[in-house]
Amino acid sequence: MDWVMERWQDVFRSRRSRDVMVALVIAGPAAIGLLTGFYRTSLLPSLPLFAGLTAACAVVVGLWRREHDWAAALLACATFVVTDLPYANYVMTYSLARRRRWPLAGLTVGLLLVWPLHQTLFEPATGTTPLFEFETSLPASGLNGLVYWSFAAVSPFVMGLAKNSLEAALMERERHAKQSAERQRRLRESTLRERSLTERARLASMMHDGVGHHVSVMVTTAGAISVDPAATGSIVERCDLIVGVGREAISRLGEVLDVLAAPAPESGDVAAEYRVDDIADLVGDYRSLGVEVAYAVEPVDGCDPATQDLCYRIVREALTNVLRHAAVPRADIRLTSTADRVHLAVSSPLAPADRATLPGTGRGLRLLADEAALAGGTLTATPSGETGRFVLRADLPRSSDGRDTGEAVGPSMT
């Protein structure tokens, strides 16, 4: 039963289905009038003219009642006067009341109320056998007939007003529901922001007390080794490099702590820090650390700054992983672009299973993959046992594209 009701509702959601139903409401009684001979009692006793006028009225009212309501209303009134069939006026009254076209609605209702004063309108068809047994029992004249006809005339108008009131109530309920959802969303965002600030403060404390302390010890130890008289020139050079990198790490750590201590920025307010041109300097830094880097890049003019920043950070993460895990500190970087995409590939030799490497959690690549997905791209990192290489590929859009918002759905107009 539910399936039948859903299918029935789906039929009436289509404008074409409603137009066909309106045409049938007007043409159906006209066809019955032709079969029973009712057309002989009208002002248009000719069967072809009666059929042609009612068919034209059914088509015009079915198709034009919304966009050309004046023409449809006048044709419905004329058809009623000539053929004594009020169904086109019923349809127009309901449609006009739905769209709050009060002057035209008053015309169609007024004609239905005034014209029945003509007594012949209430007389049953003569000379033919009635189609229904109760045809002759309908109130034909007098006060009862006027009350009956008035009720029939006003009912479509009242139904149109009731439909409007129902849709207005539903729209008001939807508006309140949207407001409630918006308040709930803001409350959730406020709660999440508060939790984020608390977590950021905790992370800042942990990084300051943990990472900052260990890096400081590393820099101090390397500095002490570099001034040891027993240290060779090669050892002194490497210790100085460690001291420089450690100081840079402490400086970066300070910047991170400042960011964590600051209020969380709104989405889209974070400025891009790096560009594709900065990758060359990054490659030079890692070459100085002993990593053999082959770097090839194509021009990416017009590329979104956020995409360029993401490319830089992907290359930085890849080179860091090469320094930590690769069997041979060697990397091959290729950055190419098309009309709307940027393609980045970084490959390096896999580490032997028995070789100890620096610890890693894989969190950096996961976070970068999430950022790439949010930007509309992809990031994959796949080791290949056949080629003995670890390949990282990124496919990113050249620019950020917004999404269109849906338009609010208004009331349906019959």
Protein backbone atom coordinates (compact mmCIF):
# COMPACT_ATOMS: atom_id res chain seq x y z
CA MET A 1 0.00 0.00 0.00
CA ASP A 2 2.83 2.40 0.80
CA TRP A 3 4.40 1.69 -2.59
CA VAL A 4 1.10 2.52 -4.32
CA MET A 5 0.82 5.82 -2.42
CA GLU A 6 4.41 6.76 -3.25
CA ARG A 7 3.87 6.06 -6.94
CA TRP A 8 0.62 8.04 -6.88
CA GLN A 9 2.40 11.01 -5.30
CA ASP A 10 5.23 10.75 -7.81
CA VAL A 11 2.69 11.07 -10.64
CA PHE A 12 1.36 14.37 -9.29
CA ARG A 13 4.85 15.81 -8.68
CA SER A 14 5.18 16.13 -12.45
CA ARG A 15 3.74 19.27 -13.99
CA ARG A 16 2.82 17.41 -17.18
CA SER A 17 0.84 14.83 -15.20
CA ARG A 18 -1.11 17.58 -13.45
CA ASP A 19 -1.86 19.25 -16.79
CA VAL A 20 -3.17 15.98 -18.22
CA MET A 21 -5.33 15.47 -15.13
CA VAL A 22 -6.82 18.96 -15.46
CA ALA A 23 -7.63 18.34 -19.13
CA LEU A 24 -9.35 15.06 -18.23
CA VAL A 25 -11.38 16.77 -15.48
CA ILE A 26 -12.77 19.17 -18.10
CA ALA A 27 -13.05 16.80 -21.06
CA GLY A 28 -14.50 13.85 -19.10
CA PRO A 29 -17.87 15.44 -18.18
CA ALA A 30 -18.07 16.89 -21.69
CA ALA A 31 -17.74 13.39 -23.13
CA ILE A 32 -20.47 12.16 -20.77
CA GLY A 33 -22.65 15.08 -21.90
CA LEU A 34 -22.17 13.98 -25.51
CA LEU A 35 -23.07 10.36 -24.69
CA THR A 36 -26.22 11.26 -22.70
CA GLY A 37 -27.44 14.03 -24.99
CA PHE A 38 -26.95 16.71 -22.33
CA TYR A 39 -25.44 18.99 -24.96
CA ARG A 40 -28.93 19.46 -26.48
CA THR A 41 -30.04 21.52 -23.46
CA SER A 42 -27.11 23.96 -23.76
CA LEU A 43 -26.88 27.14 -25.80
CA LEU A 44 -24.71 25.22 -28.25
CA PRO A 45 -26.83 22.22 -29.33
CA SER A 46 -24.52 21.30 -32.22
CA LEU A 47 -22.52 18.19 -31.32
CA PRO A 48 -19.34 19.14 -33.31
CA LEU A 49 -19.30 22.67 -31.89
CA PHE A 50 -19.96 21.39 -28.34
CA ALA A 51 -17.16 18.83 -28.64
CA GLY A 52 -14.72 21.29 -30.25
CA LEU A 53 -15.31 24.02 -27.68
CA THR A 54 -14.96 21.72 -24.67
CA ALA A 55 -11.83 20.08 -26.14
CA ALA A 56 -10.24 23.49 -26.80
CA CYS A 57 -11.14 24.60 -23.27
CA ALA A 58 -9.58 21.44 -21.79
CA VAL A 59 -6.32 22.00 -23.69
CA VAL A 60 -6.08 25.75 -23.03
CA VAL A 61 -6.92 25.53 -19.33
CA GLY A 62 -4.62 22.54 -18.90
CA LEU A 63 -1.64 24.32 -20.47
CA TRP A 64 -2.28 28.06 -19.99
CA ARG A 65 -3.86 28.34 -16.54
CA ARG A 66 -0.54 29.47 -14.99
CA GLU A 67 1.22 31.65 -17.57
CA HIS A 68 -1.87 32.99 -19.41
CA ASP A 69 -4.49 32.93 -16.67
CA TRP A 70 -6.57 35.78 -18.16
CA ALA A 71 -7.08 33.95 -21.46
CA ALA A 72 -7.70 30.62 -19.71
CA ALA A 73 -10.19 32.19 -17.24
CA LEU A 74 -12.15 33.97 -19.98
CA LEU A 75 -12.33 30.80 -22.10
CA ALA A 76 -13.46 28.78 -19.04
CA CYS A 77 -16.22 31.32 -18.30
CA ALA A 78 -17.35 31.40 -21.94
CA THR A 79 -17.41 27.60 -22.06
CA PHE A 80 -19.50 27.51 -18.89
CA VAL A 81 -22.03 29.99 -20.25
CA VAL A 82 -22.38 28.20 -23.60
CA THR A 83 -22.21 24.54 -22.54
CA ASP A 84 -23.50 24.66 -18.92
CA LEU A 85 -20.33 22.70 -17.83
CA PRO A 86 -18.73 24.40 -14.79
CA TYR A 87 -15.67 22.14 -14.41
CA ALA A 88 -13.25 24.45 -16.22
CA ASN A 89 -14.33 27.24 -13.84
CA TYR A 90 -13.73 24.94 -10.89
CA VAL A 91 -10.19 24.28 -12.05
CA MET A 92 -9.48 27.96 -12.75
CA THR A 93 -10.94 29.04 -9.39
CA TYR A 94 -8.66 26.62 -7.53
CA SER A 95 -5.60 27.57 -9.60
CA LEU A 96 -6.20 31.32 -9.24
CA ALA A 97 -6.76 31.03 -5.49
CA ARG A 98 -3.51 29.07 -5.19
CA ARG A 99 -1.61 31.90 -6.90
CA ARG A 100 -3.56 34.64 -5.10
CA ARG A 101 -4.99 36.11 -8.30
CA TRP A 102 -8.00 37.53 -6.48
CA PRO A 103 -9.68 39.59 -9.29
CA LEU A 104 -9.74 36.66 -11.70
CA ALA A 105 -10.76 34.25 -8.94
CA GLY A 106 -13.64 36.60 -8.08
CA LEU A 107 -14.71 36.59 -11.74
CA THR A 108 -14.84 32.78 -12.00
CA VAL A 109 -16.58 32.35 -8.63
CA GLY A 110 -19.00 35.21 -9.30
CA LEU A 111 -20.07 33.74 -12.62
CA LEU A 112 -20.69 30.38 -10.94
CA LEU A 113 -22.86 32.09 -8.33
CA VAL A 114 -24.84 34.38 -10.67
CA TRP A 115 -25.45 32.22 -13.72
CA PRO A 116 -27.42 29.45 -11.88
CA LEU A 117 -30.26 31.94 -11.44
CA HIS A 118 -31.18 30.85 -14.95
CA GLN A 119 -33.55 28.00 -14.03
CA THR A 120 -32.94 25.95 -17.15
CA LEU A 121 -29.41 25.33 -15.93
CA PHE A 122 -30.78 23.15 -13.13
CA GLU A 123 -33.20 21.15 -15.23
CA PRO A 124 -32.05 17.59 -16.01
CA ALA A 125 -31.48 16.49 -19.56
CA THR A 126 -34.70 15.51 -21.37
CA GLY A 127 -35.37 13.19 -24.23
CA THR A 128 -32.63 10.74 -23.26
CA THR A 129 -32.12 8.09 -20.64
CA PRO A 130 -30.14 9.43 -17.63
CA LEU A 131 -26.65 8.04 -17.27
CA PHE A 132 -26.86 7.93 -13.46
CA GLU A 133 -29.89 6.98 -11.35
CA PHE A 134 -29.49 9.99 -9.10
CA GLU A 135 -29.34 12.50 -11.97
CA THR A 136 -32.96 13.58 -11.60
CA SER A 137 -32.69 13.75 -7.83
CA LEU A 138 -30.20 16.63 -7.79
CA PRO A 139 -31.71 19.92 -6.51
CA ALA A 140 -32.83 21.59 -9.69
CA SER A 141 -34.30 24.91 -8.63
CA GLY A 142 -35.34 27.10 -5.75
CA LEU A 143 -33.40 27.74 -2.58
CA ASN A 144 -32.06 24.20 -2.35
CA GLY A 145 -30.64 24.40 -5.82
CA LEU A 146 -29.03 27.79 -5.14
CA VAL A 147 -27.43 26.51 -1.93
CA TYR A 148 -26.17 23.41 -3.68
CA TRP A 149 -24.72 25.36 -6.57
CA SER A 150 -23.19 28.01 -4.31
CA PHE A 151 -21.44 25.33 -2.27
CA ALA A 152 -20.08 23.74 -5.44
CA ALA A 153 -18.90 27.15 -6.70
CA VAL A 154 -17.13 28.24 -3.48
CA SER A 155 -15.52 24.87 -2.67
CA PRO A 156 -12.59 25.15 -5.16
CA PHE A 157 -11.83 28.65 -3.85
CA VAL A 158 -11.80 27.40 -0.25
CA MET A 159 -9.62 24.44 -1.24
CA GLY A 160 -7.10 26.78 -2.87
CA LEU A 161 -6.93 28.94 0.25
CA ALA A 162 -6.52 25.83 2.43
CA LYS A 163 -3.69 24.58 0.20
CA ASN A 164 -1.96 27.96 0.49
CA SER A 165 -2.32 27.93 4.28
CA LEU A 166 -0.93 24.40 4.46
CA GLU A 167 2.09 25.25 2.32
CA ALA A 168 2.70 28.43 4.33
CA ALA A 169 2.63 26.36 7.54
CA LEU A 170 5.02 23.81 6.04
CA MET A 171 7.41 26.55 4.87
CA GLU A 172 7.30 28.15 8.31
CA ARG A 173 8.06 24.79 9.89
CA GLU A 174 10.98 24.27 7.49
CA ARG A 175 12.26 27.76 8.30
CA HIS A 176 12.16 27.01 12.01
CA ALA A 177 13.85 23.67 11.40
CA LYS A 178 16.64 25.36 9.42
CA GLN A 179 17.09 27.96 12.15
CA SER A 180 17.25 25.22 14.77
CA ALA A 181 19.78 23.28 12.69
CA GLU A 182 21.86 26.43 12.25
CA ARG A 183 21.84 27.05 16.00
CA GLN A 184 22.87 23.44 16.62
CA ARG A 185 25.66 23.77 14.05
CA ARG A 186 26.98 26.93 15.66
CA LEU A 187 26.84 25.28 19.08
CA ARG A 188 28.81 22.29 17.77
CA GLU A 189 31.36 24.58 16.12
CA SER A 190 31.73 26.55 19.34
CA THR A 191 32.24 23.34 21.33
CA LEU A 192 34.74 22.00 18.81
CA ARG A 193 36.60 25.31 18.75
CA GLU A 194 36.86 25.27 22.53
CA ARG A 195 38.14 21.71 22.49
CA SER A 196 40.58 22.62 19.71
CA LEU A 197 41.98 25.50 21.73
CA THR A 198 42.43 23.23 24.75
CA GLU A 199 44.15 20.58 22.63
CA ARG A 200 46.38 23.16 20.96
CA ALA A 201 47.48 24.47 24.35
CA ARG A 202 48.26 20.90 25.49
CA LEU A 203 50.23 20.17 22.32
CA ALA A 204 52.18 23.41 22.66
CA SER A 205 53.15 22.47 26.21
CA MET A 206 54.21 18.95 25.15
CA MET A 207 56.27 20.20 22.22
CA HIS A 208 57.96 22.87 24.31
CA ASP A 209 58.78 20.53 27.17
CA GLY A 210 59.58 17.44 25.09
CA VAL A 211 60.71 18.18 21.54
CA GLY A 212 62.30 21.53 22.36
CA HIS A 213 64.30 20.02 25.21
CA HIS A 214 65.63 17.11 23.16
CA VAL A 215 66.56 19.29 20.19
CA SER A 216 68.37 21.70 22.51
CA VAL A 217 70.35 18.79 24.00
CA MET A 218 71.19 17.59 20.47
CA VAL A 219 72.42 21.03 19.38
CA THR A 220 74.43 21.51 22.57
CA THR A 221 76.07 18.07 22.24
CA ALA A 222 76.95 18.62 18.60
CA GLY A 223 78.43 22.01 19.47
CA ALA A 224 80.53 20.45 22.21
CA ILE A 225 81.85 17.77 19.84
CA SER A 226 82.77 20.38 17.21
CA VAL A 227 85.10 22.19 19.61
CA ASP A 228 86.72 18.97 20.89
CA PRO A 229 90.42 19.03 19.96
CA ALA A 230 90.21 15.35 18.97
CA ALA A 231 87.54 16.00 16.36
CA THR A 232 88.68 15.82 12.74
CA GLY A 233 87.72 18.40 10.14
CA SER A 234 85.04 16.13 8.69
CA ILE A 235 83.49 15.61 12.13
CA VAL A 236 83.56 19.34 12.87
CA GLU A 237 81.85 20.06 9.53
CA ARG A 238 79.10 17.53 10.24
CA CYS A 239 78.61 18.78 13.79
CA ASP A 240 78.31 22.35 12.51
CA LEU A 241 75.66 21.11 10.06
CA ILE A 242 73.80 19.42 12.93
CA VAL A 243 73.98 22.62 14.96
CA GLY A 244 72.63 24.66 12.06
CA VAL A 245 69.78 22.24 11.38
CA GLY A 246 68.99 22.03 15.08
CA ARG A 247 68.82 25.79 15.45
CA GLU A 248 66.58 25.98 12.42
CA ALA A 249 64.37 23.28 14.01
CA ILE A 250 64.20 25.27 17.26
CA SER A 251 63.25 28.39 15.27
CA ARG A 252 60.54 26.45 13.42
CA LEU A 253 59.37 24.99 16.71
CA GLY A 254 58.94 28.50 18.07
CA GLU A 255 56.83 29.43 15.07
CA VAL A 256 54.69 26.33 15.57
CA LEU A 257 54.22 27.15 19.24
CA ASP A 258 53.16 30.69 18.30
CA VAL A 259 50.61 29.26 15.87
CA LEU A 260 49.30 26.84 18.46
CA ALA A 261 49.01 29.61 21.03
CA ALA A 262 47.05 31.84 18.63
CA PRO A 263 43.26 31.41 18.10
CA ALA A 264 42.33 28.85 15.48
CA PRO A 265 41.86 30.59 12.10
CA GLU A 266 38.65 30.25 10.15
CA SER A 267 38.62 27.90 7.18
CA GLY A 268 40.28 29.45 4.13
CA ASP A 269 42.07 32.18 6.14
CA VAL A 270 45.46 30.41 6.25
CA ALA A 271 47.88 32.02 3.80
CA ALA A 272 50.15 29.86 1.64
CA GLU A 273 53.74 29.96 2.96
CA TYR A 274 55.69 28.29 0.15
CA ARG A 275 55.69 28.36 -3.62
CA VAL A 276 56.94 25.94 -6.26
CA ASP A 277 60.06 28.09 -6.76
CA ASP A 278 61.02 27.36 -3.13
CA ILE A 279 61.35 23.65 -3.91
CA ALA A 280 64.71 24.32 -5.56
CA ASP A 281 66.09 25.74 -2.29
CA LEU A 282 64.65 22.76 -0.40
CA VAL A 283 66.37 20.38 -2.80
CA GLY A 284 69.65 22.26 -2.24
CA ASP A 285 69.33 21.89 1.53
CA TYR A 286 68.85 18.12 1.29
CA ARG A 287 71.70 17.79 -1.19
CA SER A 288 73.92 19.39 1.44
CA LEU A 289 72.79 16.64 3.84
CA GLY A 290 74.06 13.98 1.42
CA VAL A 291 70.81 13.18 -0.44
CA GLU A 292 71.22 12.77 -4.20
CA VAL A 293 68.21 14.58 -5.69
CA ALA A 294 67.26 14.69 -9.37
CA TYR A 295 64.73 17.48 -9.78
CA ALA A 296 62.79 18.41 -12.94
CA VAL A 297 59.99 20.95 -12.96
CA GLU A 298 57.72 22.46 -15.60
CA PRO A 299 56.36 26.03 -15.37
CA VAL A 300 53.19 26.24 -13.28
CA ASP A 301 52.24 29.86 -13.94
CA GLY A 302 48.77 30.69 -12.69
CA CYS A 303 48.73 27.79 -10.24
CA ASP A 304 46.80 28.41 -7.03
CA PRO A 305 49.09 29.44 -4.10
CA ALA A 306 47.49 26.80 -1.86
CA THR A 307 48.35 24.10 -4.42
CA GLN A 308 51.94 25.36 -4.67
CA ASP A 309 52.27 25.31 -0.88
CA LEU A 310 50.91 21.76 -0.79
CA CYS A 311 53.39 20.66 -3.49
CA TYR A 312 56.28 22.08 -1.46
CA ARG A 313 55.19 20.31 1.72
CA ILE A 314 54.71 17.00 -0.13
CA VAL A 315 58.25 17.22 -1.52
CA ARG A 316 59.59 18.12 1.92
CA GLU A 317 57.85 15.13 3.51
CA ALA A 318 59.10 12.85 0.75
CA LEU A 319 62.72 14.00 1.11
CA THR A 320 62.50 13.64 4.89
CA ASN A 321 61.30 10.07 4.46
CA VAL A 322 64.15 9.42 2.00
CA LEU A 323 66.64 10.65 4.59
CA ARG A 324 65.06 8.43 7.23
CA HIS A 325 64.26 5.20 5.43
CA ALA A 326 65.82 4.90 1.96
CA ALA A 327 68.53 2.29 1.38
CA VAL A 328 70.46 4.84 -0.65
CA PRO A 329 69.74 8.55 0.02
CA ARG A 330 68.59 9.23 -3.51
CA ALA A 331 65.35 10.75 -4.82
CA ASP A 332 63.90 11.50 -8.24
CA ILE A 333 61.37 14.40 -8.30
CA ARG A 334 59.20 15.23 -11.33
CA LEU A 335 56.70 18.12 -11.32
CA THR A 336 54.53 18.49 -14.43
CA SER A 337 51.31 20.34 -15.19
CA THR A 338 48.40 20.33 -17.61
CA ALA A 339 45.66 22.85 -18.32
CA ASP A 340 43.87 22.17 -15.02
CA ARG A 341 46.01 19.73 -13.02
CA VAL A 342 49.45 19.54 -11.40
CA HIS A 343 51.22 16.16 -11.23
CA LEU A 344 54.02 15.45 -8.75
CA ALA A 345 56.02 12.22 -8.50
CA VAL A 346 58.81 11.40 -6.04
CA SER A 347 60.55 8.02 -6.12
CA SER A 348 63.38 6.59 -3.99
CA PRO A 349 65.02 3.19 -3.36
CA LEU A 350 63.36 0.95 -0.77
CA ALA A 351 65.22 0.22 2.45
CA PRO A 352 66.38 -3.41 3.00
CA ALA A 353 64.32 -5.33 5.51
CA ASP A 354 67.34 -5.84 7.78
CA ARG A 355 68.42 -2.20 7.76
CA ALA A 356 67.60 -0.10 10.81
CA THR A 357 65.90 3.19 9.95
CA LEU A 358 64.76 6.20 11.90
CA PRO A 359 61.29 5.75 13.41
CA GLY A 360 58.28 7.13 11.62
CA THR A 361 54.50 7.05 12.13
CA GLY A 362 53.25 7.73 8.59
CA ARG A 363 51.11 10.52 10.01
CA GLY A 364 52.68 13.14 7.76
CA LEU A 365 51.65 11.37 4.56
CA ARG A 366 48.16 10.69 5.91
CA LEU A 367 47.63 14.35 6.76
CA LEU A 368 48.93 15.42 3.35
CA ALA A 369 46.64 12.88 1.66
CA ASP A 370 43.68 14.36 3.55
CA GLU A 371 44.68 17.88 2.46
CA ALA A 372 45.00 16.73 -1.15
CA ALA A 373 41.54 15.15 -1.00
CA LEU A 374 40.03 18.35 0.45
CA ALA A 375 41.67 20.33 -2.36
CA GLY A 376 40.08 18.05 -4.96
CA GLY A 377 43.13 15.90 -5.70
CA THR A 378 44.77 12.65 -4.66
CA LEU A 379 48.00 11.57 -2.97
CA THR A 380 49.24 7.96 -3.09
CA ALA A 381 52.37 6.37 -1.65
CA THR A 382 53.08 2.83 -2.88
CA PRO A 383 56.21 0.69 -2.41
CA SER A 384 57.00 -1.66 -5.31
CA GLY A 385 58.95 -4.83 -4.56
CA GLU A 386 59.49 -5.50 -8.27
CA THR A 387 61.25 -2.22 -9.00
CA GLY A 388 62.65 -1.85 -5.48
CA ARG A 389 61.42 1.75 -5.25
CA PHE A 390 58.97 3.73 -3.15
CA VAL A 391 56.83 6.02 -5.33
CA LEU A 392 54.76 8.95 -4.08
CA ARG A 393 52.32 10.50 -6.58
CA ALA A 394 50.16 13.59 -6.18
CA ASP A 395 47.47 14.78 -8.58
CA LEU A 396 46.26 18.26 -7.61
CA PRO A 397 44.01 20.91 -9.22
CA ARG A 398 45.67 24.07 -10.48
CA SER A 399 42.97 26.20 -8.87
CA SER A 400 40.30 25.83 -6.20
CA ASP A 401 36.73 25.60 -7.48
CA GLY A 402 33.73 26.61 -5.26
CA ARG A 403 30.47 24.72 -5.13
CA ASP A 404 27.10 26.07 -6.07
CA THR A 405 24.52 26.25 -3.37
CA GLY A 406 21.07 24.89 -4.00
CA GLU A 407 18.18 27.29 -4.40
CA ALA A 408 15.38 27.27 -1.95
CA VAL A 409 12.35 25.36 -3.18
CA GLY A 410 9.22 27.49 -3.19
CA PRO A 411 5.57 26.42 -3.12
CA SER A 412 4.23 24.49 -6.11
CA MET A 413 1.76 26.42 -8.26
CA THR A 414 -1.06 24.41 -9.80
